[in-house]
Amino acid sequence: MNIIEKHFEKLLWNSRLFILLAVIFGMIGAVILFIVGSVDIYSVAADTVSSYLHHEHPAGFHETIVGSIIGAVDLYLIAVVLLLFSFGLYELFISEIDAAQASESSNVLEIRNLDQLKDKLAKVIVMVLVVSFFKTVLHTTYNGPLEMLYFAFSILALSVALYFLHKGGDHKSHDGPDADGH
């Protein structure tokens, strides 16, 4: 019975390697989103230069530029979510990333437990929602004071949410306490 138990536990432990599928495909998704966002910004830049060279400024041109760039930023943020997810899963289930441990750069990708991964993902997802909100606001028309009041309340709710998100975060620097003395 001891041999069967030993082999079963080894098989069970090695089954965690299936996480590599999520890590690899999460990274592929992140790279795709970075490329698509970059191509979108390049396209906006090329269109903008062409428009100014030909002295063409169609109606809504600036709103289109801003909307396209905000859309690309949205793609970048979603790519960051995928990166954090991939790095976090790898570090939690497979192994610490030796290159990250030896690096002197930011520890933003350092994940020690599942709660820390969820916290980092939640913060980036909230930022994705904020960017999506602003992209939607650019293309919204307001037909009355009640709609403007809803718009003002939505900005207030977003501001309060961002305040509490920032307030609840870990903002300690490596060199000492932050501005609040923490």
N, C-alpha and C. Protein backbone atom coordinates (compact mmCIF):
# COMPACT_ATOMS: atom_id res chain seq x y z
N MET A 1 0.83 -1.20 0.00
CA MET A 1 0.00 0.00 0.00
C MET A 1 0.86 1.25 0.00
N ASN A 2 1.99 1.23 0.65
CA ASN A 2 2.88 2.37 0.74
C ASN A 2 3.43 2.76 -0.64
N ILE A 3 3.73 1.78 -1.49
CA ILE A 3 4.27 2.05 -2.84
C ILE A 3 3.19 2.70 -3.70
N ILE A 4 1.98 2.19 -3.62
CA ILE A 4 0.87 2.78 -4.40
C ILE A 4 0.62 4.21 -3.95
N GLU A 5 0.61 4.42 -2.66
CA GLU A 5 0.41 5.78 -2.13
C GLU A 5 1.52 6.72 -2.59
N LYS A 6 2.73 6.25 -2.57
CA LYS A 6 3.88 7.07 -2.99
C LYS A 6 3.77 7.45 -4.46
N HIS A 7 3.43 6.49 -5.32
CA HIS A 7 3.29 6.78 -6.75
C HIS A 7 2.09 7.69 -7.03
N PHE A 8 1.00 7.45 -6.31
CA PHE A 8 -0.18 8.30 -6.49
C PHE A 8 0.12 9.74 -6.09
N GLU A 9 0.79 9.93 -4.97
CA GLU A 9 1.13 11.29 -4.52
C GLU A 9 2.08 11.98 -5.50
N LYS A 10 3.00 11.20 -6.06
CA LYS A 10 3.92 11.78 -7.07
C LYS A 10 3.14 12.20 -8.31
N LEU A 11 2.22 11.34 -8.76
CA LEU A 11 1.38 11.68 -9.90
C LEU A 11 0.51 12.89 -9.59
N LEU A 12 -0.06 12.93 -8.41
CA LEU A 12 -0.88 14.06 -8.00
C LEU A 12 -0.07 15.35 -7.99
N TRP A 13 1.13 15.30 -7.42
CA TRP A 13 1.99 16.49 -7.35
C TRP A 13 2.39 16.95 -8.75
N ASN A 14 2.73 16.02 -9.63
CA ASN A 14 3.14 16.40 -10.99
C ASN A 14 1.99 16.90 -11.84
N SER A 15 0.75 16.62 -11.45
CA SER A 15 -0.40 17.12 -12.22
C SER A 15 -0.49 18.63 -12.19
N ARG A 16 0.20 19.26 -11.24
CA ARG A 16 0.21 20.73 -11.19
C ARG A 16 0.84 21.32 -12.44
N LEU A 17 1.61 20.53 -13.17
CA LEU A 17 2.28 21.02 -14.37
C LEU A 17 1.29 21.39 -15.49
N PHE A 18 0.02 20.95 -15.36
CA PHE A 18 -0.99 21.37 -16.32
C PHE A 18 -1.18 22.89 -16.29
N ILE A 19 -0.79 23.51 -15.20
CA ILE A 19 -0.84 24.97 -15.08
C ILE A 19 -0.02 25.62 -16.18
N LEU A 20 1.00 24.92 -16.66
CA LEU A 20 1.84 25.47 -17.73
C LEU A 20 1.02 25.83 -18.97
N LEU A 21 -0.07 25.11 -19.23
CA LEU A 21 -0.93 25.47 -20.36
C LEU A 21 -1.49 26.88 -20.18
N ALA A 22 -1.99 27.18 -19.00
CA ALA A 22 -2.53 28.51 -18.73
C ALA A 22 -1.42 29.56 -18.79
N VAL A 23 -0.24 29.23 -18.29
CA VAL A 23 0.89 30.17 -18.30
C VAL A 23 1.30 30.47 -19.74
N ILE A 24 1.50 29.44 -20.54
CA ILE A 24 1.96 29.63 -21.93
C ILE A 24 0.93 30.38 -22.75
N PHE A 25 -0.33 29.95 -22.69
CA PHE A 25 -1.35 30.60 -23.51
C PHE A 25 -1.71 31.98 -22.98
N GLY A 26 -1.57 32.21 -21.68
CA GLY A 26 -1.73 33.56 -21.14
C GLY A 26 -0.66 34.50 -21.69
N MET A 27 0.57 34.00 -21.76
CA MET A 27 1.67 34.81 -22.32
C MET A 27 1.44 35.07 -23.81
N ILE A 28 1.00 34.06 -24.54
CA ILE A 28 0.71 34.24 -25.98
C ILE A 28 -0.39 35.29 -26.15
N GLY A 29 -1.43 35.21 -25.34
CA GLY A 29 -2.50 36.21 -25.41
C GLY A 29 -2.00 37.60 -25.10
N ALA A 30 -1.12 37.71 -24.10
CA ALA A 30 -0.56 39.03 -23.76
C ALA A 30 0.26 39.59 -24.92
N VAL A 31 1.09 38.77 -25.53
CA VAL A 31 1.91 39.23 -26.66
C VAL A 31 1.02 39.68 -27.81
N ILE A 32 -0.04 38.90 -28.09
CA ILE A 32 -0.97 39.28 -29.17
C ILE A 32 -1.60 40.63 -28.87
N LEU A 33 -2.04 40.85 -27.64
CA LEU A 33 -2.66 42.13 -27.29
C LEU A 33 -1.68 43.28 -27.36
N PHE A 34 -0.43 43.07 -26.93
CA PHE A 34 0.58 44.11 -27.06
C PHE A 34 0.82 44.47 -28.53
N ILE A 35 0.87 43.46 -29.38
CA ILE A 35 1.09 43.71 -30.81
C ILE A 35 -0.10 44.45 -31.42
N VAL A 36 -1.32 43.99 -31.12
CA VAL A 36 -2.52 44.63 -31.68
C VAL A 36 -2.63 46.08 -31.20
N GLY A 37 -2.39 46.31 -29.91
CA GLY A 37 -2.42 47.69 -29.38
C GLY A 37 -1.38 48.57 -30.04
N SER A 38 -0.20 48.04 -30.25
CA SER A 38 0.87 48.81 -30.89
C SER A 38 0.55 49.11 -32.35
N VAL A 39 -0.01 48.14 -33.06
CA VAL A 39 -0.41 48.37 -34.45
C VAL A 39 -1.51 49.42 -34.51
N ASP A 40 -2.44 49.36 -33.56
CA ASP A 40 -3.51 50.37 -33.52
C ASP A 40 -2.93 51.77 -33.32
N ILE A 41 -2.00 51.92 -32.42
CA ILE A 41 -1.40 53.24 -32.18
C ILE A 41 -0.58 53.68 -33.38
N TYR A 42 0.13 52.76 -34.00
CA TYR A 42 0.89 53.11 -35.21
C TYR A 42 -0.06 53.59 -36.31
N SER A 43 -1.18 52.91 -36.45
CA SER A 43 -2.17 53.30 -37.46
C SER A 43 -2.72 54.69 -37.18
N VAL A 44 -3.02 54.98 -35.91
CA VAL A 44 -3.50 56.31 -35.53
C VAL A 44 -2.44 57.36 -35.83
N ALA A 45 -1.19 57.07 -35.52
CA ALA A 45 -0.10 58.02 -35.79
C ALA A 45 0.04 58.27 -37.28
N ALA A 46 -0.03 57.21 -38.09
CA ALA A 46 0.10 57.37 -39.54
C ALA A 46 -1.07 58.19 -40.10
N ASP A 47 -2.28 57.90 -39.63
CA ASP A 47 -3.46 58.65 -40.08
C ASP A 47 -3.38 60.12 -39.67
N THR A 48 -2.89 60.38 -38.47
CA THR A 48 -2.77 61.75 -37.96
C THR A 48 -1.75 62.53 -38.79
N VAL A 49 -0.60 61.94 -39.02
CA VAL A 49 0.43 62.62 -39.83
C VAL A 49 -0.10 62.88 -41.23
N SER A 50 -0.74 61.90 -41.82
CA SER A 50 -1.30 62.06 -43.17
C SER A 50 -2.35 63.17 -43.19
N SER A 51 -3.21 63.20 -42.20
CA SER A 51 -4.25 64.21 -42.14
C SER A 51 -3.67 65.61 -42.05
N TYR A 52 -2.65 65.77 -41.21
CA TYR A 52 -2.05 67.10 -41.06
C TYR A 52 -1.23 67.50 -42.28
N LEU A 53 -0.61 66.54 -42.93
CA LEU A 53 0.15 66.86 -44.13
C LEU A 53 -0.76 67.30 -45.28
N HIS A 54 -1.96 66.71 -45.34
CA HIS A 54 -2.91 67.03 -46.40
C HIS A 54 -3.93 68.07 -45.96
N HIS A 55 -3.76 68.63 -44.78
CA HIS A 55 -4.65 69.66 -44.22
C HIS A 55 -6.10 69.21 -44.21
N GLU A 56 -6.32 67.94 -43.88
CA GLU A 56 -7.67 67.39 -43.78
C GLU A 56 -7.99 67.15 -42.31
N HIS A 57 -9.05 67.75 -41.86
CA HIS A 57 -9.47 67.56 -40.48
C HIS A 57 -10.97 67.28 -40.46
N PRO A 58 -11.35 66.03 -40.74
CA PRO A 58 -12.79 65.72 -40.76
C PRO A 58 -13.42 65.90 -39.38
N ALA A 59 -14.73 66.07 -39.39
CA ALA A 59 -15.46 66.24 -38.13
C ALA A 59 -15.24 65.02 -37.24
N GLY A 60 -14.99 65.29 -35.97
CA GLY A 60 -14.79 64.21 -35.01
C GLY A 60 -13.42 63.57 -35.08
N PHE A 61 -12.48 64.20 -35.79
CA PHE A 61 -11.15 63.61 -35.98
C PHE A 61 -10.42 63.44 -34.65
N HIS A 62 -10.47 64.49 -33.82
CA HIS A 62 -9.76 64.40 -32.54
C HIS A 62 -10.38 63.35 -31.63
N GLU A 63 -11.71 63.26 -31.62
CA GLU A 63 -12.38 62.25 -30.80
C GLU A 63 -12.01 60.85 -31.26
N THR A 64 -11.89 60.68 -32.58
CA THR A 64 -11.50 59.38 -33.13
C THR A 64 -10.09 59.01 -32.70
N ILE A 65 -9.18 59.98 -32.73
CA ILE A 65 -7.79 59.73 -32.31
C ILE A 65 -7.76 59.33 -30.84
N VAL A 66 -8.42 60.12 -30.01
CA VAL A 66 -8.42 59.84 -28.57
C VAL A 66 -9.06 58.48 -28.30
N GLY A 67 -10.18 58.20 -28.94
CA GLY A 67 -10.85 56.91 -28.75
C GLY A 67 -9.98 55.74 -29.16
N SER A 68 -9.27 55.88 -30.27
CA SER A 68 -8.39 54.80 -30.73
C SER A 68 -7.23 54.57 -29.77
N ILE A 69 -6.66 55.66 -29.28
CA ILE A 69 -5.53 55.52 -28.35
C ILE A 69 -6.00 54.93 -27.03
N ILE A 70 -7.16 55.36 -26.54
CA ILE A 70 -7.70 54.80 -25.31
C ILE A 70 -8.00 53.31 -25.50
N GLY A 71 -8.49 52.95 -26.68
CA GLY A 71 -8.72 51.53 -26.98
C GLY A 71 -7.44 50.73 -26.94
N ALA A 72 -6.34 51.30 -27.45
CA ALA A 72 -5.05 50.61 -27.41
C ALA A 72 -4.55 50.49 -25.97
N VAL A 73 -4.74 51.54 -25.17
CA VAL A 73 -4.35 51.46 -23.76
C VAL A 73 -5.14 50.37 -23.06
N ASP A 74 -6.40 50.23 -23.41
CA ASP A 74 -7.25 49.18 -22.86
C ASP A 74 -6.66 47.80 -23.20
N LEU A 75 -6.23 47.64 -24.44
CA LEU A 75 -5.61 46.37 -24.84
C LEU A 75 -4.32 46.11 -24.06
N TYR A 76 -3.53 47.16 -23.87
CA TYR A 76 -2.29 47.01 -23.09
C TYR A 76 -2.59 46.58 -21.65
N LEU A 77 -3.61 47.18 -21.06
CA LEU A 77 -3.95 46.83 -19.68
C LEU A 77 -4.45 45.39 -19.57
N ILE A 78 -5.22 44.94 -20.55
CA ILE A 78 -5.67 43.55 -20.54
C ILE A 78 -4.48 42.62 -20.72
N ALA A 79 -3.51 43.04 -21.55
CA ALA A 79 -2.28 42.25 -21.71
C ALA A 79 -1.53 42.16 -20.38
N VAL A 80 -1.51 43.24 -19.63
CA VAL A 80 -0.86 43.22 -18.32
C VAL A 80 -1.57 42.25 -17.38
N VAL A 81 -2.91 42.21 -17.45
CA VAL A 81 -3.66 41.25 -16.64
C VAL A 81 -3.20 39.83 -16.98
N LEU A 82 -3.08 39.54 -18.26
CA LEU A 82 -2.65 38.21 -18.67
C LEU A 82 -1.22 37.92 -18.21
N LEU A 83 -0.34 38.93 -18.28
CA LEU A 83 1.03 38.74 -17.81
C LEU A 83 1.06 38.44 -16.31
N LEU A 84 0.36 39.25 -15.54
CA LEU A 84 0.30 39.03 -14.09
C LEU A 84 -0.26 37.65 -13.77
N PHE A 85 -1.30 37.28 -14.48
CA PHE A 85 -1.91 35.98 -14.29
C PHE A 85 -0.91 34.86 -14.59
N SER A 86 -0.21 34.96 -15.71
CA SER A 86 0.75 33.93 -16.10
C SER A 86 1.92 33.84 -15.12
N PHE A 87 2.51 34.98 -14.79
CA PHE A 87 3.62 34.99 -13.83
C PHE A 87 3.17 34.45 -12.48
N GLY A 88 2.00 34.90 -12.04
CA GLY A 88 1.50 34.49 -10.74
C GLY A 88 1.24 33.00 -10.66
N LEU A 89 0.58 32.45 -11.67
CA LEU A 89 0.32 31.02 -11.68
C LEU A 89 1.62 30.22 -11.68
N TYR A 90 2.58 30.68 -12.48
CA TYR A 90 3.86 29.96 -12.54
C TYR A 90 4.54 29.97 -11.18
N GLU A 91 4.61 31.14 -10.56
CA GLU A 91 5.29 31.23 -9.27
C GLU A 91 4.55 30.50 -8.16
N LEU A 92 3.23 30.47 -8.22
CA LEU A 92 2.47 29.81 -7.17
C LEU A 92 2.48 28.28 -7.30
N PHE A 93 2.43 27.78 -8.53
CA PHE A 93 2.25 26.34 -8.71
C PHE A 93 3.48 25.60 -9.21
N ILE A 94 4.40 26.30 -9.87
CA ILE A 94 5.53 25.60 -10.47
C ILE A 94 6.82 25.92 -9.71
N SER A 95 7.29 27.16 -9.81
CA SER A 95 8.57 27.51 -9.20
C SER A 95 8.73 29.03 -9.21
N GLU A 96 9.55 29.52 -8.30
CA GLU A 96 9.90 30.94 -8.36
C GLU A 96 10.73 31.17 -9.62
N ILE A 97 10.59 32.35 -10.19
CA ILE A 97 11.32 32.68 -11.41
C ILE A 97 12.68 33.23 -10.99
N ASP A 98 13.73 32.46 -11.25
CA ASP A 98 15.07 32.82 -10.79
C ASP A 98 15.52 34.17 -11.36
N ALA A 99 15.22 34.42 -12.64
CA ALA A 99 15.64 35.68 -13.26
C ALA A 99 14.97 36.86 -12.58
N ALA A 100 13.74 36.69 -12.14
CA ALA A 100 13.02 37.76 -11.45
C ALA A 100 13.62 38.01 -10.07
N GLN A 101 14.01 36.93 -9.40
CA GLN A 101 14.61 37.07 -8.07
C GLN A 101 15.94 37.79 -8.14
N ALA A 102 16.70 37.56 -9.22
CA ALA A 102 18.01 38.18 -9.37
C ALA A 102 17.94 39.60 -9.92
N SER A 103 16.76 39.96 -10.46
CA SER A 103 16.60 41.27 -11.08
C SER A 103 16.49 42.37 -10.03
N GLU A 104 17.01 43.53 -10.36
CA GLU A 104 16.92 44.68 -9.48
C GLU A 104 15.74 45.58 -9.84
N SER A 105 14.96 45.16 -10.84
CA SER A 105 13.83 45.98 -11.27
C SER A 105 12.66 45.80 -10.31
N SER A 106 11.57 46.42 -10.64
CA SER A 106 10.38 46.43 -9.79
C SER A 106 9.91 45.03 -9.45
N ASN A 107 9.31 44.88 -8.30
CA ASN A 107 8.80 43.59 -7.87
C ASN A 107 7.30 43.45 -8.18
N VAL A 108 6.82 44.16 -9.18
CA VAL A 108 5.40 44.15 -9.49
C VAL A 108 4.93 42.75 -9.88
N LEU A 109 5.81 41.93 -10.44
CA LEU A 109 5.43 40.59 -10.86
C LEU A 109 5.65 39.54 -9.78
N GLU A 110 6.15 39.96 -8.63
CA GLU A 110 6.41 39.03 -7.54
C GLU A 110 5.08 38.66 -6.87
N ILE A 111 4.78 37.38 -6.88
CA ILE A 111 3.53 36.88 -6.31
C ILE A 111 3.88 35.83 -5.26
N ARG A 112 3.41 36.03 -4.02
CA ARG A 112 3.74 35.10 -2.94
C ARG A 112 2.58 34.18 -2.56
N ASN A 113 1.34 34.63 -2.83
CA ASN A 113 0.19 33.79 -2.50
C ASN A 113 -0.98 34.15 -3.41
N LEU A 114 -2.02 33.35 -3.35
CA LEU A 114 -3.17 33.53 -4.23
C LEU A 114 -3.89 34.85 -3.97
N ASP A 115 -3.96 35.27 -2.71
CA ASP A 115 -4.60 36.55 -2.40
C ASP A 115 -3.86 37.72 -3.02
N GLN A 116 -2.53 37.67 -3.01
CA GLN A 116 -1.73 38.73 -3.63
C GLN A 116 -1.97 38.76 -5.14
N LEU A 117 -2.06 37.58 -5.77
CA LEU A 117 -2.36 37.51 -7.20
C LEU A 117 -3.73 38.10 -7.49
N LYS A 118 -4.73 37.73 -6.69
CA LYS A 118 -6.08 38.27 -6.89
C LYS A 118 -6.10 39.78 -6.71
N ASP A 119 -5.37 40.29 -5.73
CA ASP A 119 -5.33 41.73 -5.48
C ASP A 119 -4.73 42.47 -6.67
N LYS A 120 -3.61 41.98 -7.17
CA LYS A 120 -2.97 42.64 -8.32
C LYS A 120 -3.84 42.57 -9.56
N LEU A 121 -4.46 41.42 -9.80
CA LEU A 121 -5.34 41.28 -10.95
C LEU A 121 -6.54 42.21 -10.82
N ALA A 122 -7.12 42.29 -9.62
CA ALA A 122 -8.29 43.15 -9.41
C ALA A 122 -7.96 44.61 -9.70
N LYS A 123 -6.79 45.06 -9.26
CA LYS A 123 -6.42 46.45 -9.49
C LYS A 123 -6.28 46.75 -10.97
N VAL A 124 -5.65 45.85 -11.71
CA VAL A 124 -5.49 46.09 -13.14
C VAL A 124 -6.84 45.99 -13.85
N ILE A 125 -7.68 45.06 -13.42
CA ILE A 125 -9.00 44.94 -14.03
C ILE A 125 -9.83 46.19 -13.78
N VAL A 126 -9.74 46.76 -12.60
CA VAL A 126 -10.44 48.02 -12.32
C VAL A 126 -9.93 49.11 -13.26
N MET A 127 -8.63 49.15 -13.50
CA MET A 127 -8.09 50.15 -14.42
C MET A 127 -8.60 49.91 -15.84
N VAL A 128 -8.75 48.66 -16.24
CA VAL A 128 -9.32 48.35 -17.56
C VAL A 128 -10.74 48.89 -17.63
N LEU A 129 -11.51 48.70 -16.55
CA LEU A 129 -12.88 49.21 -16.53
C LEU A 129 -12.91 50.74 -16.57
N VAL A 130 -11.97 51.38 -15.90
CA VAL A 130 -11.89 52.85 -15.92
C VAL A 130 -11.62 53.32 -17.35
N VAL A 131 -10.65 52.70 -18.00
CA VAL A 131 -10.32 53.10 -19.37
C VAL A 131 -11.50 52.83 -20.30
N SER A 132 -12.17 51.70 -20.13
CA SER A 132 -13.35 51.40 -20.95
C SER A 132 -14.46 52.42 -20.71
N PHE A 133 -14.61 52.84 -19.45
CA PHE A 133 -15.60 53.86 -19.11
C PHE A 133 -15.31 55.15 -19.87
N PHE A 134 -14.05 55.59 -19.85
CA PHE A 134 -13.72 56.83 -20.55
C PHE A 134 -13.88 56.69 -22.05
N LYS A 135 -13.59 55.53 -22.59
CA LYS A 135 -13.79 55.30 -24.03
C LYS A 135 -15.27 55.40 -24.36
N THR A 136 -16.13 54.85 -23.51
CA THR A 136 -17.57 54.92 -23.72
C THR A 136 -18.08 56.35 -23.60
N VAL A 137 -17.55 57.08 -22.63
CA VAL A 137 -17.97 58.46 -22.41
C VAL A 137 -17.68 59.33 -23.63
N LEU A 138 -16.58 59.05 -24.31
CA LEU A 138 -16.23 59.84 -25.50
C LEU A 138 -17.29 59.76 -26.59
N HIS A 139 -17.98 58.64 -26.67
CA HIS A 139 -18.94 58.42 -27.76
C HIS A 139 -20.39 58.53 -27.29
N THR A 140 -20.60 59.09 -26.11
CA THR A 140 -21.95 59.21 -25.57
C THR A 140 -22.47 60.62 -25.77
N THR A 141 -23.73 60.72 -26.18
CA THR A 141 -24.37 62.03 -26.28
C THR A 141 -25.36 62.15 -25.12
N TYR A 142 -25.47 63.35 -24.59
CA TYR A 142 -26.33 63.60 -23.43
C TYR A 142 -27.49 64.48 -23.89
N ASN A 143 -28.70 64.00 -23.63
CA ASN A 143 -29.89 64.67 -24.14
C ASN A 143 -30.68 65.42 -23.08
N GLY A 144 -30.14 65.55 -21.92
CA GLY A 144 -30.89 66.27 -20.91
C GLY A 144 -30.14 66.34 -19.59
N PRO A 145 -30.66 67.13 -18.67
CA PRO A 145 -29.98 67.30 -17.39
C PRO A 145 -29.92 66.02 -16.56
N LEU A 146 -30.92 65.14 -16.68
CA LEU A 146 -30.90 63.91 -15.91
C LEU A 146 -29.74 63.01 -16.36
N GLU A 147 -29.50 62.95 -17.66
CA GLU A 147 -28.38 62.15 -18.16
C GLU A 147 -27.04 62.74 -17.71
N MET A 148 -26.95 64.05 -17.67
CA MET A 148 -25.73 64.70 -17.18
C MET A 148 -25.54 64.41 -15.68
N LEU A 149 -26.64 64.36 -14.94
CA LEU A 149 -26.56 64.03 -13.52
C LEU A 149 -26.08 62.58 -13.33
N TYR A 150 -26.59 61.66 -14.15
CA TYR A 150 -26.11 60.27 -14.10
C TYR A 150 -24.62 60.21 -14.42
N PHE A 151 -24.21 60.99 -15.40
CA PHE A 151 -22.80 61.04 -15.78
C PHE A 151 -21.96 61.55 -14.61
N ALA A 152 -22.42 62.59 -13.95
CA ALA A 152 -21.68 63.13 -12.80
C ALA A 152 -21.61 62.11 -11.67
N PHE A 153 -22.71 61.41 -11.40
CA PHE A 153 -22.70 60.37 -10.35
C PHE A 153 -21.77 59.22 -10.71
N SER A 154 -21.71 58.88 -11.98
CA SER A 154 -20.82 57.78 -12.38
C SER A 154 -19.36 58.19 -12.20
N ILE A 155 -19.03 59.43 -12.47
CA ILE A 155 -17.66 59.91 -12.24
C ILE A 155 -17.36 59.93 -10.74
N LEU A 156 -18.33 60.37 -9.94
CA LEU A 156 -18.15 60.36 -8.49
C LEU A 156 -17.94 58.93 -7.97
N ALA A 157 -18.74 57.98 -8.43
CA ALA A 157 -18.60 56.58 -8.00
C ALA A 157 -17.25 56.02 -8.42
N LEU A 158 -16.83 56.35 -9.61
CA LEU A 158 -15.52 55.89 -10.11
C LEU A 158 -14.40 56.49 -9.27
N SER A 159 -14.51 57.75 -8.94
CA SER A 159 -13.50 58.41 -8.13
C SER A 159 -13.41 57.80 -6.73
N VAL A 160 -14.55 57.52 -6.14
CA VAL A 160 -14.58 56.91 -4.81
C VAL A 160 -13.96 55.51 -4.87
N ALA A 161 -14.30 54.75 -5.90
CA ALA A 161 -13.75 53.40 -6.05
C ALA A 161 -12.23 53.45 -6.21
N LEU A 162 -11.74 54.38 -7.02
CA LEU A 162 -10.29 54.51 -7.20
C LEU A 162 -9.61 54.95 -5.91
N TYR A 163 -10.26 55.82 -5.16
CA TYR A 163 -9.70 56.26 -3.88
C TYR A 163 -9.52 55.06 -2.94
N PHE A 164 -10.58 54.26 -2.81
CA PHE A 164 -10.50 53.11 -1.91
C PHE A 164 -9.55 52.04 -2.44
N LEU A 165 -9.46 51.92 -3.75
CA LEU A 165 -8.50 50.97 -4.33
C LEU A 165 -7.08 51.39 -3.99
N HIS A 166 -6.81 52.68 -4.10
CA HIS A 166 -5.48 53.21 -3.78
C HIS A 166 -5.22 53.14 -2.28
N LYS A 167 -6.23 53.47 -1.50
CA LYS A 167 -6.09 53.48 -0.04
C LYS A 167 -5.81 52.09 0.51
N GLY A 168 -6.40 51.07 -0.09
CA GLY A 168 -6.24 49.71 0.40
C GLY A 168 -5.00 49.01 -0.12
N GLY A 169 -4.27 49.65 -1.06
CA GLY A 169 -3.12 49.01 -1.67
C GLY A 169 -1.88 49.07 -0.81
N ASP A 170 -0.87 48.34 -1.22
CA ASP A 170 0.42 48.32 -0.52
C ASP A 170 1.33 49.32 -1.24
N HIS A 171 1.55 50.48 -0.65
CA HIS A 171 2.33 51.54 -1.29
C HIS A 171 3.63 51.81 -0.58
N LYS A 172 4.20 50.82 0.04
CA LYS A 172 5.47 51.01 0.74
C LYS A 172 6.60 50.90 -0.26
N SER A 173 7.53 51.81 -0.18
CA SER A 173 8.68 51.76 -1.07
C SER A 173 9.75 50.87 -0.47
N HIS A 174 10.77 50.57 -1.28
CA HIS A 174 11.87 49.74 -0.81
C HIS A 174 12.79 50.51 0.11
N ASP A 175 12.78 51.83 0.02
CA ASP A 175 13.73 52.64 0.77
C ASP A 175 13.21 53.10 2.11
N GLY A 176 11.94 52.99 2.35
CA GLY A 176 11.41 53.46 3.62
C GLY A 176 9.92 53.71 3.53
N PRO A 177 9.38 54.46 4.47
CA PRO A 177 7.92 54.69 4.50
C PRO A 177 7.48 55.58 3.36
N ASP A 178 6.19 55.46 3.04
CA ASP A 178 5.64 56.32 2.01
C ASP A 178 5.27 57.68 2.59
N ALA A 179 4.56 58.47 1.80
CA ALA A 179 4.23 59.84 2.21
C ALA A 179 3.33 59.87 3.44
N ASP A 180 2.56 58.79 3.67
CA ASP A 180 1.68 58.73 4.84
C ASP A 180 2.39 58.22 6.09
N GLY A 181 3.69 57.91 5.96
CA GLY A 181 4.45 57.41 7.10
C GLY A 181 4.33 55.91 7.30
N HIS A 182 3.78 55.20 6.34
CA HIS A 182 3.59 53.74 6.45
C HIS A 182 4.73 53.00 5.82
